[in-house]
Amino acid sequence: MLENSPAAFGPVADYFKVLSEISRLQVLCCLKSGSKNVTEIMEATGLGQANVSKHLKILAQAGIVKRQPQGVSVYYEIVDPLIFEICKLVCDRLSIRLEQQSQQLKQLQVLRSSQI
């Protein structure tokens, strides 16, 4: 577990900051099926070349993806597939929370309609 100090939380916060951008999540999802070059990522995500390159640089600096030169192209791949487990965990929690909110809304609607 983390120490209870700002110095210990800093790198964790920085890691989550990298994951907090929609375009970077799109790029990561694109790479889930295997390594791709910038052109393939652009085609899969609909993002522009400058945007994809910027996000790949940030992901590489964070150690989430790595560059693999192959001939005249550079391919990017996920360094640690555990990143997808983190994303799945977050999605699962959000799904549960949304379901709970939906149930609460239904209960309120029932109460409201019984008062009419």
PDB file of N, CA and C in Angstrom:
ATOM      1  N   MET A   1       0.831  -1.184   0.000  1.00  0.00           N
ATOM      2  CA  MET A   1       0.000   0.000   0.000  1.00  0.00           C
ATOM      3  C   MET A   1       0.875   1.246   0.000  1.00  0.00           C
ATOM      4  N   LEU A   2       0.302   2.342  -0.388  1.00  0.00           N
ATOM      5  CA  LEU A   2       1.052   3.585  -0.466  1.00  0.00           C
ATOM      6  C   LEU A   2       1.309   4.184   0.906  1.00  0.00           C
ATOM      7  N   GLU A   3       2.482   4.823   1.023  1.00  0.00           N
ATOM      8  CA  GLU A   3       2.742   5.618   2.222  1.00  0.00           C
ATOM      9  C   GLU A   3       1.779   6.795   2.234  1.00  0.00           C
ATOM     10  N   ASN A   4       1.506   7.308   3.397  1.00  0.00           N
ATOM     11  CA  ASN A   4       0.622   8.466   3.499  1.00  0.00           C
ATOM     12  C   ASN A   4       1.444   9.745   3.431  1.00  0.00           C
ATOM     13  N   SER A   5       2.057   9.979   2.246  1.00  0.00           N
ATOM     14  CA  SER A   5       2.841  11.197   2.067  1.00  0.00           C
ATOM     15  C   SER A   5       2.661  11.703   0.643  1.00  0.00           C
ATOM     16  N   PRO A   6       2.693  13.014   0.473  1.00  0.00           N
ATOM     17  CA  PRO A   6       2.548  13.571  -0.877  1.00  0.00           C
ATOM     18  C   PRO A   6       3.592  13.031  -1.849  1.00  0.00           C
ATOM     19  N   ALA A   7       4.794  12.791  -1.389  1.00  0.00           N
ATOM     20  CA  ALA A   7       5.850  12.285  -2.267  1.00  0.00           C
ATOM     21  C   ALA A   7       5.496  10.905  -2.816  1.00  0.00           C
ATOM     22  N   ALA A   8       4.849  10.089  -2.000  1.00  0.00           N
ATOM     23  CA  ALA A   8       4.461   8.752  -2.444  1.00  0.00           C
ATOM     24  C   ALA A   8       3.274   8.812  -3.396  1.00  0.00           C
ATOM     25  N   PHE A   9       2.385   9.766  -3.195  1.00  0.00           N
ATOM     26  CA  PHE A   9       1.195   9.871  -4.031  1.00  0.00           C
ATOM     27  C   PHE A   9       1.468  10.547  -5.372  1.00  0.00           C
ATOM     28  N   GLY A  10       2.525  11.335  -5.445  1.00  0.00           N
ATOM     29  CA  GLY A  10       2.826  12.080  -6.663  1.00  0.00           C
ATOM     30  C   GLY A  10       2.910  11.223  -7.915  1.00  0.00           C
ATOM     31  N   PRO A  11       3.737  10.176  -7.916  1.00  0.00           N
ATOM     32  CA  PRO A  11       3.839   9.336  -9.111  1.00  0.00           C
ATOM     33  C   PRO A  11       2.520   8.636  -9.467  1.00  0.00           C
ATOM     34  N   VAL A  12       1.754   8.264  -8.464  1.00  0.00           N
ATOM     35  CA  VAL A  12       0.454   7.624  -8.717  1.00  0.00           C
ATOM     36  C   VAL A  12      -0.486   8.630  -9.376  1.00  0.00           C
ATOM     37  N   ALA A  13      -0.514   9.842  -8.845  1.00  0.00           N
ATOM     38  CA  ALA A  13      -1.363  10.886  -9.421  1.00  0.00           C
ATOM     39  C   ALA A  13      -0.942  11.180 -10.859  1.00  0.00           C
ATOM     40  N   ASP A  14       0.358  11.228 -11.107  1.00  0.00           N
ATOM     41  CA  ASP A  14       0.858  11.478 -12.461  1.00  0.00           C
ATOM     42  C   ASP A  14       0.426  10.375 -13.419  1.00  0.00           C
ATOM     43  N   TYR A  15       0.465   9.134 -12.968  1.00  0.00           N
ATOM     44  CA  TYR A  15       0.050   7.994 -13.788  1.00  0.00           C
ATOM     45  C   TYR A  15      -1.429   8.129 -14.162  1.00  0.00           C
ATOM     46  N   PHE A  16      -2.254   8.461 -13.184  1.00  0.00           N
ATOM     47  CA  PHE A  16      -3.682   8.621 -13.463  1.00  0.00           C
ATOM     48  C   PHE A  16      -3.959   9.842 -14.332  1.00  0.00           C
ATOM     49  N   LYS A  17      -3.128  10.871 -14.231  1.00  0.00           N
ATOM     50  CA  LYS A  17      -3.284  12.027 -15.120  1.00  0.00           C
ATOM     51  C   LYS A  17      -3.094  11.607 -16.575  1.00  0.00           C
ATOM     52  N   VAL A  18      -2.139  10.740 -16.815  1.00  0.00           N
ATOM     53  CA  VAL A  18      -1.905  10.245 -18.177  1.00  0.00           C
ATOM     54  C   VAL A  18      -3.148   9.518 -18.685  1.00  0.00           C
ATOM     55  N   LEU A  19      -3.786   8.774 -17.815  1.00  0.00           N
ATOM     56  CA  LEU A  19      -4.969   8.002 -18.210  1.00  0.00           C
ATOM     57  C   LEU A  19      -6.250   8.831 -18.235  1.00  0.00           C
ATOM     58  N   SER A  20      -6.179  10.088 -17.836  1.00  0.00           N
ATOM     59  CA  SER A  20      -7.396  10.895 -17.708  1.00  0.00           C
ATOM     60  C   SER A  20      -7.788  11.606 -18.998  1.00  0.00           C
ATOM     61  N   GLU A  21      -7.125  11.313 -20.098  1.00  0.00           N
ATOM     62  CA  GLU A  21      -7.401  11.979 -21.368  1.00  0.00           C
ATOM     63  C   GLU A  21      -8.084  11.008 -22.324  1.00  0.00           C
ATOM     64  N   ILE A  22      -9.214  11.387 -22.882  1.00  0.00           N
ATOM     65  CA  ILE A  22     -10.011  10.505 -23.734  1.00  0.00           C
ATOM     66  C   ILE A  22      -9.210   9.998 -24.929  1.00  0.00           C
ATOM     67  N   SER A  23      -8.491  10.869 -25.586  1.00  0.00           N
ATOM     68  CA  SER A  23      -7.733  10.446 -26.772  1.00  0.00           C
ATOM     69  C   SER A  23      -6.677   9.406 -26.419  1.00  0.00           C
ATOM     70  N   ARG A  24      -6.040   9.547 -25.261  1.00  0.00           N
ATOM     71  CA  ARG A  24      -5.038   8.561 -24.868  1.00  0.00           C
ATOM     72  C   ARG A  24      -5.695   7.219 -24.577  1.00  0.00           C
ATOM     73  N   LEU A  25      -6.890   7.238 -24.002  1.00  0.00           N
ATOM     74  CA  LEU A  25      -7.615   5.980 -23.782  1.00  0.00           C
ATOM     75  C   LEU A  25      -7.984   5.339 -25.116  1.00  0.00           C
ATOM     76  N   GLN A  26      -8.350   6.160 -26.103  1.00  0.00           N
ATOM     77  CA  GLN A  26      -8.635   5.629 -27.440  1.00  0.00           C
ATOM     78  C   GLN A  26      -7.396   4.950 -28.018  1.00  0.00           C
ATOM     79  N   VAL A  27      -6.256   5.598 -27.886  1.00  0.00           N
ATOM     80  CA  VAL A  27      -5.007   5.040 -28.403  1.00  0.00           C
ATOM     81  C   VAL A  27      -4.697   3.727 -27.694  1.00  0.00           C
ATOM     82  N   LEU A  28      -4.842   3.701 -26.377  1.00  0.00           N
ATOM     83  CA  LEU A  28      -4.582   2.474 -25.629  1.00  0.00           C
ATOM     84  C   LEU A  28      -5.497   1.341 -26.079  1.00  0.00           C
ATOM     85  N   CYS A  29      -6.777   1.634 -26.241  1.00  0.00           N
ATOM     86  CA  CYS A  29      -7.724   0.607 -26.682  1.00  0.00           C
ATOM     87  C   CYS A  29      -7.354   0.091 -28.065  1.00  0.00           C
ATOM     88  N   CYS A  30      -6.898   0.973 -28.910  1.00  0.00           N
ATOM     89  CA  CYS A  30      -6.459   0.595 -30.255  1.00  0.00           C
ATOM     90  C   CYS A  30      -5.276  -0.373 -30.189  1.00  0.00           C
ATOM     91  N   LEU A  31      -4.391  -0.162 -29.234  1.00  0.00           N
ATOM     92  CA  LEU A  31      -3.190  -0.998 -29.104  1.00  0.00           C
ATOM     93  C   LEU A  31      -3.456  -2.309 -28.365  1.00  0.00           C
ATOM     94  N   LYS A  32      -4.646  -2.461 -27.834  1.00  0.00           N
ATOM     95  CA  LYS A  32      -4.962  -3.677 -27.078  1.00  0.00           C
ATOM     96  C   LYS A  32      -4.822  -4.923 -27.949  1.00  0.00           C
ATOM     97  N   SER A  33      -5.155  -4.804 -29.227  1.00  0.00           N
ATOM     98  CA  SER A  33      -5.097  -5.962 -30.124  1.00  0.00           C
ATOM     99  C   SER A  33      -3.693  -6.228 -30.666  1.00  0.00           C
ATOM    100  N   GLY A  34      -2.744  -5.363 -30.363  1.00  0.00           N
ATOM    101  CA  GLY A  34      -1.371  -5.579 -30.821  1.00  0.00           C
ATOM    102  C   GLY A  34      -0.714  -4.289 -31.265  1.00  0.00           C
ATOM    103  N   SER A  35       0.560  -4.378 -31.610  1.00  0.00           N
ATOM    104  CA  SER A  35       1.320  -3.186 -31.975  1.00  0.00           C
ATOM    105  C   SER A  35       0.819  -2.600 -33.290  1.00  0.00           C
ATOM    106  N   LYS A  36       0.914  -1.272 -33.372  1.00  0.00           N
ATOM    107  CA  LYS A  36       0.464  -0.545 -34.552  1.00  0.00           C
ATOM    108  C   LYS A  36       1.371   0.662 -34.760  1.00  0.00           C
ATOM    109  N   ASN A  37       1.406   1.141 -36.012  1.00  0.00           N
ATOM    110  CA  ASN A  37       2.130   2.371 -36.279  1.00  0.00           C
ATOM    111  C   ASN A  37       1.159   3.550 -36.203  1.00  0.00           C
ATOM    112  N   VAL A  38       1.686   4.755 -36.335  1.00  0.00           N
ATOM    113  CA  VAL A  38       0.865   5.959 -36.183  1.00  0.00           C
ATOM    114  C   VAL A  38      -0.288   5.971 -37.182  1.00  0.00           C
ATOM    115  N   THR A  39      -0.013   5.586 -38.420  1.00  0.00           N
ATOM    116  CA  THR A  39      -1.066   5.586 -39.447  1.00  0.00           C
ATOM    117  C   THR A  39      -2.205   4.639 -39.068  1.00  0.00           C
ATOM    118  N   GLU A  40      -1.870   3.462 -38.598  1.00  0.00           N
ATOM    119  CA  GLU A  40      -2.900   2.487 -38.195  1.00  0.00           C
ATOM    120  C   GLU A  40      -3.706   3.011 -37.001  1.00  0.00           C
ATOM    121  N   ILE A  41      -3.025   3.663 -36.081  1.00  0.00           N
ATOM    122  CA  ILE A  41      -3.717   4.230 -34.915  1.00  0.00           C
ATOM    123  C   ILE A  41      -4.641   5.354 -35.355  1.00  0.00           C
ATOM    124  N   MET A  42      -4.179   6.178 -36.288  1.00  0.00           N
ATOM    125  CA  MET A  42      -5.015   7.265 -36.813  1.00  0.00           C
ATOM    126  C   MET A  42      -6.277   6.699 -37.458  1.00  0.00           C
ATOM    127  N   GLU A  43      -6.127   5.673 -38.263  1.00  0.00           N
ATOM    128  CA  GLU A  43      -7.270   5.064 -38.944  1.00  0.00           C
ATOM    129  C   GLU A  43      -8.254   4.456 -37.944  1.00  0.00           C
ATOM    130  N   ALA A  44      -7.733   3.829 -36.911  1.00  0.00           N
ATOM    131  CA  ALA A  44      -8.591   3.162 -35.936  1.00  0.00           C
ATOM    132  C   ALA A  44      -9.307   4.146 -35.016  1.00  0.00           C
ATOM    133  N   THR A  45      -8.664   5.275 -34.727  1.00  0.00           N
ATOM    134  CA  THR A  45      -9.234   6.218 -33.754  1.00  0.00           C
ATOM    135  C   THR A  45      -9.904   7.428 -34.380  1.00  0.00           C
ATOM    136  N   GLY A  46      -9.535   7.749 -35.610  1.00  0.00           N
ATOM    137  CA  GLY A  46     -10.046   8.960 -36.239  1.00  0.00           C
ATOM    138  C   GLY A  46      -9.336  10.224 -35.784  1.00  0.00           C
ATOM    139  N   LEU A  47      -8.268  10.056 -35.021  1.00  0.00           N
ATOM    140  CA  LEU A  47      -7.491  11.204 -34.544  1.00  0.00           C
ATOM    141  C   LEU A  47      -6.466  11.610 -35.596  1.00  0.00           C
ATOM    142  N   GLY A  48      -6.075  12.875 -35.581  1.00  0.00           N
ATOM    143  CA  GLY A  48      -5.072  13.375 -36.512  1.00  0.00           C
ATOM    144  C   GLY A  48      -3.670  12.934 -36.138  1.00  0.00           C
ATOM    145  N   GLN A  49      -2.761  13.054 -37.105  1.00  0.00           N
ATOM    146  CA  GLN A  49      -1.387  12.595 -36.914  1.00  0.00           C
ATOM    147  C   GLN A  49      -0.687  13.304 -35.764  1.00  0.00           C
ATOM    148  N   ALA A  50      -0.803  14.630 -35.704  1.00  0.00           N
ATOM    149  CA  ALA A  50      -0.134  15.384 -34.628  1.00  0.00           C
ATOM    150  C   ALA A  50      -0.686  14.982 -33.263  1.00  0.00           C
ATOM    151  N   ASN A  51      -1.995  14.787 -33.195  1.00  0.00           N
ATOM    152  CA  ASN A  51      -2.650  14.405 -31.949  1.00  0.00           C
ATOM    153  C   ASN A  51      -2.185  13.019 -31.498  1.00  0.00           C
ATOM    154  N   VAL A  52      -2.187  12.057 -32.417  1.00  0.00           N
ATOM    155  CA  VAL A  52      -1.748  10.694 -32.089  1.00  0.00           C
ATOM    156  C   VAL A  52      -0.291  10.711 -31.628  1.00  0.00           C
ATOM    157  N   SER A  53       0.555  11.405 -32.358  1.00  0.00           N
ATOM    158  CA  SER A  53       1.976  11.453 -32.001  1.00  0.00           C
ATOM    159  C   SER A  53       2.182  12.060 -30.618  1.00  0.00           C
ATOM    160  N   LYS A  54       1.444  13.132 -30.324  1.00  0.00           N
ATOM    161  CA  LYS A  54       1.556  13.785 -29.014  1.00  0.00           C
ATOM    162  C   LYS A  54       1.167  12.810 -27.896  1.00  0.00           C
ATOM    163  N   HIS A  55       0.052  12.104 -28.083  1.00  0.00           N
ATOM    164  CA  HIS A  55      -0.410  11.192 -27.040  1.00  0.00           C
ATOM    165  C   HIS A  55       0.492   9.973 -26.898  1.00  0.00           C
ATOM    166  N   LEU A  56       1.022   9.489 -28.016  1.00  0.00           N
ATOM    167  CA  LEU A  56       1.966   8.371 -27.933  1.00  0.00           C
ATOM    168  C   LEU A  56       3.228   8.776 -27.178  1.00  0.00           C
ATOM    169  N   LYS A  57       3.682   9.999 -27.383  1.00  0.00           N
ATOM    170  CA  LYS A  57       4.864  10.479 -26.671  1.00  0.00           C
ATOM    171  C   LYS A  57       4.604  10.503 -25.164  1.00  0.00           C
ATOM    172  N   ILE A  58       3.435  11.009 -24.768  1.00  0.00           N
ATOM    173  CA  ILE A  58       3.081  11.067 -23.344  1.00  0.00           C
ATOM    174  C   ILE A  58       2.969   9.665 -22.764  1.00  0.00           C
ATOM    175  N   LEU A  59       2.325   8.761 -23.504  1.00  0.00           N
ATOM    176  CA  LEU A  59       2.181   7.374 -23.038  1.00  0.00           C
ATOM    177  C   LEU A  59       3.538   6.688 -22.932  1.00  0.00           C
ATOM    178  N   ALA A  60       4.436   6.980 -23.866  1.00  0.00           N
ATOM    179  CA  ALA A  60       5.782   6.388 -23.820  1.00  0.00           C
ATOM    180  C   ALA A  60       6.580   6.947 -22.641  1.00  0.00           C
ATOM    181  N   GLN A  61       6.477   8.257 -22.407  1.00  0.00           N
ATOM    182  CA  GLN A  61       7.191   8.865 -21.280  1.00  0.00           C
ATOM    183  C   GLN A  61       6.704   8.301 -19.946  1.00  0.00           C
ATOM    184  N   ALA A  62       5.431   7.927 -19.891  1.00  0.00           N
ATOM    185  CA  ALA A  62       4.863   7.348 -18.666  1.00  0.00           C
ATOM    186  C   ALA A  62       5.196   5.863 -18.540  1.00  0.00           C
ATOM    187  N   GLY A  63       5.812   5.292 -19.558  1.00  0.00           N
ATOM    188  CA  GLY A  63       6.174   3.875 -19.518  1.00  0.00           C
ATOM    189  C   GLY A  63       5.003   2.942 -19.803  1.00  0.00           C
ATOM    190  N   ILE A  64       3.947   3.459 -20.393  1.00  0.00           N
ATOM    191  CA  ILE A  64       2.762   2.649 -20.667  1.00  0.00           C
ATOM    192  C   ILE A  64       2.869   1.979 -22.040  1.00  0.00           C
ATOM    193  N   VAL A  65       3.479   2.678 -23.002  1.00  0.00           N
ATOM    194  CA  VAL A  65       3.734   2.074 -24.317  1.00  0.00           C
ATOM    195  C   VAL A  65       5.218   2.186 -24.621  1.00  0.00           C
ATOM    196  N   LYS A  66       5.654   1.373 -25.571  1.00  0.00           N
ATOM    197  CA  LYS A  66       7.044   1.476 -26.023  1.00  0.00           C
ATOM    198  C   LYS A  66       7.073   1.542 -27.541  1.00  0.00           C
ATOM    199  N   ARG A  67       8.133   2.153 -28.045  1.00  0.00           N
ATOM    200  CA  ARG A  67       8.351   2.305 -29.488  1.00  0.00           C
ATOM    201  C   ARG A  67       9.211   1.146 -29.971  1.00  0.00           C
ATOM    202  N   GLN A  68       8.825   0.590 -31.109  1.00  0.00           N
ATOM    203  CA  GLN A  68       9.590  -0.490 -31.709  1.00  0.00           C
ATOM    204  C   GLN A  68       9.857  -0.133 -33.170  1.00  0.00           C
ATOM    205  N   PRO A  69      11.049   0.368 -33.511  1.00  0.00           N
ATOM    206  CA  PRO A  69      11.346   0.654 -34.912  1.00  0.00           C
ATOM    207  C   PRO A  69      11.372  -0.646 -35.727  1.00  0.00           C
ATOM    208  N   GLN A  70      10.684  -0.610 -36.879  1.00  0.00           N
ATOM    209  CA  GLN A  70      10.688  -1.746 -37.805  1.00  0.00           C
ATOM    210  C   GLN A  70      10.835  -1.185 -39.217  1.00  0.00           C
ATOM    211  N   GLY A  71      12.048  -1.246 -39.754  1.00  0.00           N
ATOM    212  CA  GLY A  71      12.305  -0.661 -41.069  1.00  0.00           C
ATOM    213  C   GLY A  71      12.128   0.845 -41.006  1.00  0.00           C
ATOM    214  N   VAL A  72      11.292   1.389 -41.896  1.00  0.00           N
ATOM    215  CA  VAL A  72      11.069   2.835 -41.918  1.00  0.00           C
ATOM    216  C   VAL A  72       9.928   3.264 -41.004  1.00  0.00           C
ATOM    217  N   SER A  73       9.251   2.309 -40.394  1.00  0.00           N
ATOM    218  CA  SER A  73       8.115   2.615 -39.513  1.00  0.00           C
ATOM    219  C   SER A  73       8.492   2.411 -38.055  1.00  0.00           C
ATOM    220  N   VAL A  74       7.710   3.043 -37.208  1.00  0.00           N
ATOM    221  CA  VAL A  74       7.831   2.830 -35.767  1.00  0.00           C
ATOM    222  C   VAL A  74       6.492   2.284 -35.292  1.00  0.00           C
ATOM    223  N   TYR A  75       6.548   1.158 -34.600  1.00  0.00           N
ATOM    224  CA  TYR A  75       5.334   0.547 -34.057  1.00  0.00           C
ATOM    225  C   TYR A  75       5.306   0.771 -32.555  1.00  0.00           C
ATOM    226  N   TYR A  76       4.098   0.932 -32.059  1.00  0.00           N
ATOM    227  CA  TYR A  76       3.890   1.159 -30.631  1.00  0.00           C
ATOM    228  C   TYR A  76       3.141  -0.024 -30.068  1.00  0.00           C
ATOM    229  N   GLU A  77       3.525  -0.402 -28.846  1.00  0.00           N
ATOM    230  CA  GLU A  77       2.836  -1.502 -28.183  1.00  0.00           C
ATOM    231  C   GLU A  77       2.747  -1.244 -26.688  1.00  0.00           C
ATOM    232  N   ILE A  78       1.802  -1.897 -26.081  1.00  0.00           N
ATOM    233  CA  ILE A  78       1.579  -1.775 -24.641  1.00  0.00           C
ATOM    234  C   ILE A  78       2.723  -2.450 -23.899  1.00  0.00           C
ATOM    235  N   VAL A  79       3.280  -1.774 -22.912  1.00  0.00           N
ATOM    236  CA  VAL A  79       4.359  -2.342 -22.114  1.00  0.00           C
ATOM    237  C   VAL A  79       3.800  -3.350 -21.115  1.00  0.00           C
ATOM    238  N   ASP A  80       2.738  -2.976 -20.422  1.00  0.00           N
ATOM    239  CA  ASP A  80       2.159  -3.841 -19.394  1.00  0.00           C
ATOM    240  C   ASP A  80       0.660  -3.948 -19.609  1.00  0.00           C
ATOM    241  N   PRO A  81       0.176  -5.101 -20.061  1.00  0.00           N
ATOM    242  CA  PRO A  81      -1.258  -5.261 -20.326  1.00  0.00           C
ATOM    243  C   PRO A  81      -2.132  -5.115 -19.074  1.00  0.00           C
ATOM    244  N   LEU A  82      -1.511  -5.024 -17.903  1.00  0.00           N
ATOM    245  CA  LEU A  82      -2.274  -4.807 -16.679  1.00  0.00           C
ATOM    246  C   LEU A  82      -3.061  -3.493 -16.744  1.00  0.00           C
ATOM    247  N   ILE A  83      -2.638  -2.582 -17.606  1.00  0.00           N
ATOM    248  CA  ILE A  83      -3.344  -1.314 -17.780  1.00  0.00           C
ATOM    249  C   ILE A  83      -4.811  -1.560 -18.120  1.00  0.00           C
ATOM    250  N   PHE A  84      -5.073  -2.629 -18.868  1.00  0.00           N
ATOM    251  CA  PHE A  84      -6.450  -2.928 -19.256  1.00  0.00           C
ATOM    252  C   PHE A  84      -7.264  -3.465 -18.080  1.00  0.00           C
ATOM    253  N   GLU A  85      -6.598  -4.104 -17.132  1.00  0.00           N
ATOM    254  CA  GLU A  85      -7.281  -4.554 -15.914  1.00  0.00           C
ATOM    255  C   GLU A  85      -7.698  -3.344 -15.071  1.00  0.00           C
ATOM    256  N   ILE A  86      -6.818  -2.351 -15.025  1.00  0.00           N
ATOM    257  CA  ILE A  86      -7.142  -1.114 -14.299  1.00  0.00           C
ATOM    258  C   ILE A  86      -8.361  -0.457 -14.937  1.00  0.00           C
ATOM    259  N   CYS A  87      -8.345  -0.342 -16.263  1.00  0.00           N
ATOM    260  CA  CYS A  87      -9.480   0.275 -16.974  1.00  0.00           C
ATOM    261  C   CYS A  87     -10.759  -0.531 -16.770  1.00  0.00           C
ATOM    262  N   LYS A  88     -10.657  -1.849 -16.806  1.00  0.00           N
ATOM    263  CA  LYS A  88     -11.838  -2.700 -16.612  1.00  0.00           C
ATOM    264  C   LYS A  88     -12.403  -2.530 -15.206  1.00  0.00           C
ATOM    265  N   LEU A  89     -11.524  -2.464 -14.226  1.00  0.00           N
ATOM    266  CA  LEU A  89     -11.957  -2.267 -12.847  1.00  0.00           C
ATOM    267  C   LEU A  89     -12.727  -0.960 -12.706  1.00  0.00           C
ATOM    268  N   VAL A  90     -12.203   0.103 -13.288  1.00  0.00           N
ATOM    269  CA  VAL A  90     -12.874   1.410 -13.229  1.00  0.00           C
ATOM    270  C   VAL A  90     -14.216   1.339 -13.948  1.00  0.00           C
ATOM    271  N   CYS A  91     -14.241   0.738 -15.131  1.00  0.00           N
ATOM    272  CA  CYS A  91     -15.499   0.626 -15.887  1.00  0.00           C
ATOM    273  C   CYS A  91     -16.538  -0.185 -15.118  1.00  0.00           C
ATOM    274  N   ASP A  92     -16.101  -1.259 -14.490  1.00  0.00           N
ATOM    275  CA  ASP A  92     -17.022  -2.082 -13.694  1.00  0.00           C
ATOM    276  C   ASP A  92     -17.619  -1.280 -12.540  1.00  0.00           C
ATOM    277  N   ARG A  93     -16.770  -0.524 -11.862  1.00  0.00           N
ATOM    278  CA  ARG A  93     -17.257   0.286 -10.734  1.00  0.00           C
ATOM    279  C   ARG A  93     -18.238   1.354 -11.211  1.00  0.00           C
ATOM    280  N   LEU A  94     -17.931   1.988 -12.336  1.00  0.00           N
ATOM    281  CA  LEU A  94     -18.833   3.002 -12.884  1.00  0.00           C
ATOM    282  C   LEU A  94     -20.159   2.382 -13.291  1.00  0.00           C
ATOM    283  N   SER A  95     -20.109   1.193 -13.849  1.00  0.00           N
ATOM    284  CA  SER A  95     -21.323   0.494 -14.257  1.00  0.00           C
ATOM    285  C   SER A  95     -22.202   0.189 -13.047  1.00  0.00           C
ATOM    286  N   ILE A  96     -21.595  -0.267 -11.975  1.00  0.00           N
ATOM    287  CA  ILE A  96     -22.342  -0.559 -10.742  1.00  0.00           C
ATOM    288  C   ILE A  96     -22.966   0.717 -10.200  1.00  0.00           C
ATOM    289  N   ARG A  97     -22.193   1.789 -10.194  1.00  0.00           N
ATOM    290  CA  ARG A  97     -22.707   3.058  -9.674  1.00  0.00           C
ATOM    291  C   ARG A  97     -23.869   3.574 -10.528  1.00  0.00           C
ATOM    292  N   LEU A  98     -23.749   3.470 -11.830  1.00  0.00           N
ATOM    293  CA  LEU A  98     -24.835   3.897 -12.711  1.00  0.00           C
ATOM    294  C   LEU A  98     -26.091   3.048 -12.504  1.00  0.00           C
ATOM    295  N   GLU A  99     -25.901   1.764 -12.302  1.00  0.00           N
ATOM    296  CA  GLU A  99     -27.047   0.880 -12.051  1.00  0.00           C
ATOM    297  C   GLU A  99     -27.733   1.258 -10.737  1.00  0.00           C
ATOM    298  N   GLN A 100     -26.947   1.563  -9.716  1.00  0.00           N
ATOM    299  CA  GLN A 100     -27.529   1.990  -8.437  1.00  0.00           C
ATOM    300  C   GLN A 100     -28.296   3.295  -8.596  1.00  0.00           C
ATOM    301  N   GLN A 101     -27.735   4.226  -9.343  1.00  0.00           N
ATOM    302  CA  GLN A 101     -28.419   5.502  -9.572  1.00  0.00           C
ATOM    303  C   GLN A 101     -29.704   5.287 -10.359  1.00  0.00           C
ATOM    304  N   SER A 102     -29.673   4.376 -11.303  1.00  0.00           N
ATOM    305  CA  SER A 102     -30.864   4.067 -12.098  1.00  0.00           C
ATOM    306  C   SER A 102     -31.959   3.485 -11.206  1.00  0.00           C
ATOM    307  N   GLN A 103     -31.582   2.607 -10.297  1.00  0.00           N
ATOM    308  CA  GLN A 103     -32.555   2.015  -9.375  1.00  0.00           C
ATOM    309  C   GLN A 103     -33.150   3.084  -8.455  1.00  0.00           C
ATOM    310  N   GLN A 104     -32.309   3.994  -7.989  1.00  0.00           N
ATOM    311  CA  GLN A 104     -32.806   5.078  -7.137  1.00  0.00           C
ATOM    312  C   GLN A 104     -33.771   5.967  -7.900  1.00  0.00           C
ATOM    313  N   LEU A 105     -33.474   6.244  -9.141  1.00  0.00           N
ATOM    314  CA  LEU A 105     -34.353   7.054  -9.967  1.00  0.00           C
ATOM    315  C   LEU A 105     -35.706   6.363 -10.165  1.00  0.00           C
ATOM    316  N   LYS A 106     -35.679   5.064 -10.408  1.00  0.00           N
ATOM    317  CA  LYS A 106     -36.930   4.309 -10.561  1.00  0.00           C
ATOM    318  C   LYS A 106     -37.756   4.365  -9.279  1.00  0.00           C
ATOM    319  N   GLN A 107     -37.093   4.247  -8.147  1.00  0.00           N
ATOM    320  CA  GLN A 107     -37.807   4.324  -6.866  1.00  0.00           C
ATOM    321  C   GLN A 107     -38.441   5.692  -6.678  1.00  0.00           C
ATOM    322  N   LEU A 108     -37.721   6.731  -7.039  1.00  0.00           N
ATOM    323  CA  LEU A 108     -38.273   8.086  -6.932  1.00  0.00           C
ATOM    324  C   LEU A 108     -39.465   8.269  -7.869  1.00  0.00           C
ATOM    325  N   GLN A 109     -39.398   7.703  -9.048  1.00  0.00           N
ATOM    326  CA  GLN A 109     -40.495   7.804  -9.996  1.00  0.00           C
ATOM    327  C   GLN A 109     -41.736   7.096  -9.467  1.00  0.00           C
ATOM    328  N   VAL A 110     -41.535   5.955  -8.832  1.00  0.00           N
ATOM    329  CA  VAL A 110     -42.655   5.218  -8.252  1.00  0.00           C
ATOM    330  C   VAL A 110     -43.287   6.033  -7.121  1.00  0.00           C
ATOM    331  N   LEU A 111     -42.458   6.605  -6.269  1.00  0.00           N
ATOM    332  CA  LEU A 111     -42.968   7.442  -5.170  1.00  0.00           C
ATOM    333  C   LEU A 111     -43.726   8.640  -5.712  1.00  0.00           C
ATOM    334  N   ARG A 112     -43.178   9.249  -6.705  1.00  0.00           N
ATOM    335  CA  ARG A 112     -43.784  10.428  -7.300  1.00  0.00           C
ATOM    336  C   ARG A 112     -45.153  10.094  -7.923  1.00  0.00           C
ATOM    337  N   SER A 113     -45.202   8.996  -8.639  1.00  0.00           N
ATOM    338  CA  SER A 113     -46.462   8.629  -9.307  1.00  0.00           C
ATOM    339  C   SER A 113     -47.523   8.186  -8.292  1.00  0.00           C
ATOM    340  N   SER A 114     -47.103   7.673  -7.138  1.00  0.00           N
ATOM    341  CA  SER A 114     -48.079   7.255  -6.123  1.00  0.00           C
ATOM    342  C   SER A 114     -48.660   8.464  -5.365  1.00  0.00           C
ATOM    343  N   GLN A 115     -47.980   9.610  -5.466  1.00  0.00           N
ATOM    344  CA  GLN A 115     -48.451  10.805  -4.789  1.00  0.00           C
ATOM    345  C   GLN A 115     -49.410  11.624  -5.644  1.00  0.00           C
ATOM    346  N   ILE A 116     -49.511  11.287  -6.900  1.00  0.00           N
ATOM    347  CA  ILE A 116     -50.375  12.052  -7.800  1.00  0.00           C
ATOM    348  C   ILE A 116     -51.831  11.674  -7.616  1.00  0.00           C
TER     349      ILE A 116
END
